[in-house]
Amino acid sequence: MIATSAPLSVLADSVGDGPLLAALISALVALVVALLTQVLVSHRDSVARRYDRRRAALLLGQDAALALRGRLIDLGRVTRRDAGQPSAELAEAERRFDDARALLDVSLTRIDDPEVVRAATLWRDHAQQRHISTLDVTETEETASWMQFNVLIGKALTSRQGLSG
């Protein structure tokens, strides 16, 4: 028993020294502060990366919707002018429309915000019906759905989380 208590008494004596105890406490505090700082920085960086990813997806979706809007206007103009008769210009307008529609569809899969996706889908349907379909969708309805989509994009872009809600 004496052999095992001797190292403990030496440790107790050395820890009892004021400067050594202060150094030990300082080292432990520095270690805890360093660990907490690392956790906080890691969390902040993760939040920033998520926001940047969401922001990029929102901007791509908005750009894709704007491109589709232009292609729908072009296709509607050519379709009405040519009365739906086949032509090289109509085929090119349809191809550009298909490309723009595909870009919007793909970009919507990257958006985390279901409200923005719903608004974009509603606008897309209204715009297609207004410009290239025989279904009656008024300019007012299409414009309202376009504005709602853009309002939600704006809310998402200015929120801390990158979401509209």
Protein backbone atom coordinates (compact mmCIF):
# COMPACT_ATOMS: atom_id res chain seq x y z
CA MET A 1 0.00 0.00 0.00
CA ILE A 2 2.89 2.33 0.75
CA ALA A 3 4.34 1.77 -2.73
CA THR A 4 1.11 2.85 -4.48
CA SER A 5 0.48 5.82 -2.23
CA ALA A 6 3.94 7.30 -2.78
CA PRO A 7 3.30 8.26 -6.46
CA LEU A 8 -0.07 9.69 -5.49
CA SER A 9 1.46 11.83 -2.79
CA VAL A 10 4.08 13.10 -5.25
CA LEU A 11 1.30 13.97 -7.73
CA ALA A 12 -0.73 15.64 -5.00
CA ASP A 13 2.31 17.63 -3.92
CA SER A 14 3.12 18.74 -7.48
CA VAL A 15 -0.50 19.65 -8.32
CA GLY A 16 -0.63 21.60 -5.11
CA ASP A 17 2.02 23.94 -6.48
CA GLY A 18 0.34 27.21 -7.49
CA PRO A 19 2.15 27.84 -10.79
CA LEU A 20 1.75 24.25 -12.00
CA LEU A 21 -1.95 24.22 -11.11
CA ALA A 22 -2.49 27.55 -12.85
CA ALA A 23 -0.68 26.27 -15.96
CA LEU A 24 -2.77 23.10 -15.97
CA ILE A 25 -6.03 25.03 -15.63
CA SER A 26 -4.95 27.47 -18.33
CA ALA A 27 -4.11 24.63 -20.70
CA LEU A 28 -7.46 22.94 -20.08
CA VAL A 29 -9.36 26.20 -20.61
CA ALA A 30 -7.43 26.84 -23.84
CA LEU A 31 -8.22 23.33 -25.03
CA VAL A 32 -11.95 23.73 -24.29
CA VAL A 33 -12.02 27.14 -26.00
CA ALA A 34 -10.21 25.75 -29.05
CA LEU A 35 -12.63 22.83 -29.31
CA LEU A 36 -15.70 25.05 -28.95
CA THR A 37 -14.31 27.48 -31.51
CA GLN A 38 -13.71 24.65 -33.97
CA VAL A 39 -17.25 23.34 -33.50
CA LEU A 40 -18.75 26.80 -33.99
CA VAL A 41 -16.63 27.56 -37.06
CA SER A 42 -17.49 24.18 -38.56
CA HIS A 43 -21.21 24.80 -37.99
CA ARG A 44 -21.01 28.32 -39.44
CA ASP A 45 -19.19 27.02 -42.53
CA SER A 46 -21.77 24.27 -42.98
CA VAL A 47 -24.62 26.80 -42.79
CA ALA A 48 -22.83 29.08 -45.27
CA ARG A 49 -22.27 26.22 -47.73
CA ARG A 50 -25.91 25.17 -47.50
CA TYR A 51 -27.06 28.77 -48.05
CA ASP A 52 -24.71 29.18 -51.04
CA ARG A 53 -25.99 25.92 -52.56
CA ARG A 54 -29.61 26.98 -52.07
CA ARG A 55 -28.91 30.47 -53.43
CA ALA A 56 -27.24 29.08 -56.55
CA ALA A 57 -30.19 26.71 -57.13
CA LEU A 58 -32.70 29.56 -56.71
CA LEU A 59 -30.83 31.80 -59.15
CA LEU A 60 -30.52 28.98 -61.69
CA GLY A 61 -34.24 28.28 -61.36
CA GLN A 62 -35.10 31.94 -61.85
CA ASP A 63 -32.81 32.22 -64.88
CA ALA A 64 -34.27 29.02 -66.35
CA ALA A 65 -37.83 30.35 -65.88
CA LEU A 66 -36.87 33.62 -67.57
CA ALA A 67 -35.37 31.70 -70.51
CA LEU A 68 -38.49 29.54 -70.78
CA ARG A 69 -40.66 32.65 -70.75
CA GLY A 70 -38.78 33.99 -73.76
CA ARG A 71 -38.99 30.65 -75.61
CA LEU A 72 -42.74 30.42 -74.94
CA ILE A 73 -43.30 33.89 -76.35
CA ASP A 74 -41.25 33.00 -79.45
CA LEU A 75 -43.02 29.68 -79.95
CA GLY A 76 -46.46 31.24 -79.52
CA ARG A 77 -45.64 33.98 -82.04
CA VAL A 78 -44.38 31.50 -84.65
CA THR A 79 -47.27 29.09 -84.06
CA ARG A 80 -49.88 31.84 -84.52
CA ARG A 81 -48.11 33.32 -87.53
CA ASP A 82 -47.73 29.98 -89.31
CA ALA A 83 -51.14 28.72 -88.13
CA GLY A 84 -49.43 25.59 -86.84
CA GLN A 85 -48.13 24.58 -90.27
CA PRO A 86 -44.73 22.86 -90.24
CA SER A 87 -41.77 25.12 -90.95
CA ALA A 88 -38.08 25.28 -90.15
CA GLU A 89 -38.67 28.27 -87.88
CA LEU A 90 -41.44 26.45 -86.01
CA ALA A 91 -39.22 23.38 -85.56
CA GLU A 92 -36.40 25.56 -84.22
CA ALA A 93 -38.77 27.40 -81.87
CA GLU A 94 -40.10 24.06 -80.57
CA ARG A 95 -36.56 22.77 -80.02
CA ARG A 96 -35.57 25.91 -78.09
CA PHE A 97 -38.78 25.64 -76.04
CA ASP A 98 -38.07 21.97 -75.24
CA ASP A 99 -34.51 22.84 -74.17
CA ALA A 100 -35.70 25.70 -71.96
CA ARG A 101 -38.44 23.56 -70.42
CA ALA A 102 -35.94 20.79 -69.66
CA LEU A 103 -33.54 23.29 -68.06
CA LEU A 104 -36.32 24.60 -65.82
CA ASP A 105 -37.43 21.09 -64.88
CA VAL A 106 -33.88 20.09 -63.95
CA SER A 107 -33.22 23.30 -62.03
CA LEU A 108 -36.43 22.84 -60.01
CA THR A 109 -35.12 19.49 -58.76
CA ARG A 110 -32.23 21.37 -57.13
CA ILE A 111 -34.43 23.81 -55.21
CA ASP A 112 -35.06 22.76 -51.60
CA ASP A 113 -38.05 25.06 -51.11
CA PRO A 114 -41.34 23.30 -51.99
CA GLU A 115 -43.24 26.62 -52.11
CA VAL A 116 -40.89 27.98 -54.77
CA VAL A 117 -41.16 24.76 -56.78
CA ARG A 118 -44.97 24.85 -56.62
CA ALA A 119 -45.03 28.51 -57.69
CA ALA A 120 -42.64 27.84 -60.58
CA THR A 121 -44.69 24.86 -61.74
CA LEU A 122 -47.93 26.86 -61.57
CA TRP A 123 -46.36 29.71 -63.54
CA ARG A 124 -44.94 27.29 -66.12
CA ASP A 125 -48.35 25.71 -66.65
CA HIS A 126 -50.08 29.10 -66.91
CA ALA A 127 -47.46 30.41 -69.33
CA GLN A 128 -47.66 27.36 -71.58
CA GLN A 129 -51.44 27.54 -71.65
CA ARG A 130 -51.40 31.25 -72.38
CA HIS A 131 -48.78 31.21 -75.14
CA ILE A 132 -49.10 27.86 -76.93
CA SER A 133 -52.32 26.17 -75.89
CA THR A 134 -55.97 26.56 -76.75
CA LEU A 135 -56.84 26.65 -73.03
CA ASP A 136 -57.79 30.07 -71.77
CA VAL A 137 -55.36 31.53 -69.29
CA THR A 138 -55.41 35.28 -69.18
CA GLU A 139 -52.35 37.48 -69.21
CA THR A 140 -53.37 38.60 -65.72
CA GLU A 141 -53.34 35.03 -64.39
CA GLU A 142 -49.99 34.27 -65.99
CA THR A 143 -48.49 37.54 -64.75
CA ALA A 144 -49.81 36.94 -61.23
CA SER A 145 -48.26 33.48 -61.08
CA TRP A 146 -44.97 34.88 -62.50
CA MET A 147 -44.94 37.60 -59.83
CA GLN A 148 -45.71 35.10 -57.04
CA PHE A 149 -42.83 32.88 -58.18
CA ASN A 150 -40.44 35.84 -58.17
CA VAL A 151 -41.65 37.09 -54.78
CA LEU A 152 -40.95 33.67 -53.27
CA ILE A 153 -37.50 33.58 -54.92
CA GLY A 154 -36.80 37.02 -53.43
CA LYS A 155 -37.91 35.91 -49.95
CA ALA A 156 -35.75 32.82 -50.16
CA LEU A 157 -32.72 34.77 -51.37
CA THR A 158 -32.97 37.27 -48.51
CA SER A 159 -33.66 34.74 -45.75
CA ARG A 160 -30.87 33.41 -43.58
CA GLN A 161 -31.77 29.82 -44.45
CA GLY A 162 -32.28 30.33 -48.19
CA LEU A 163 -35.96 29.32 -47.93
CA SER A 164 -39.08 31.39 -48.61
CA GLY A 165 -41.06 30.22 -45.57
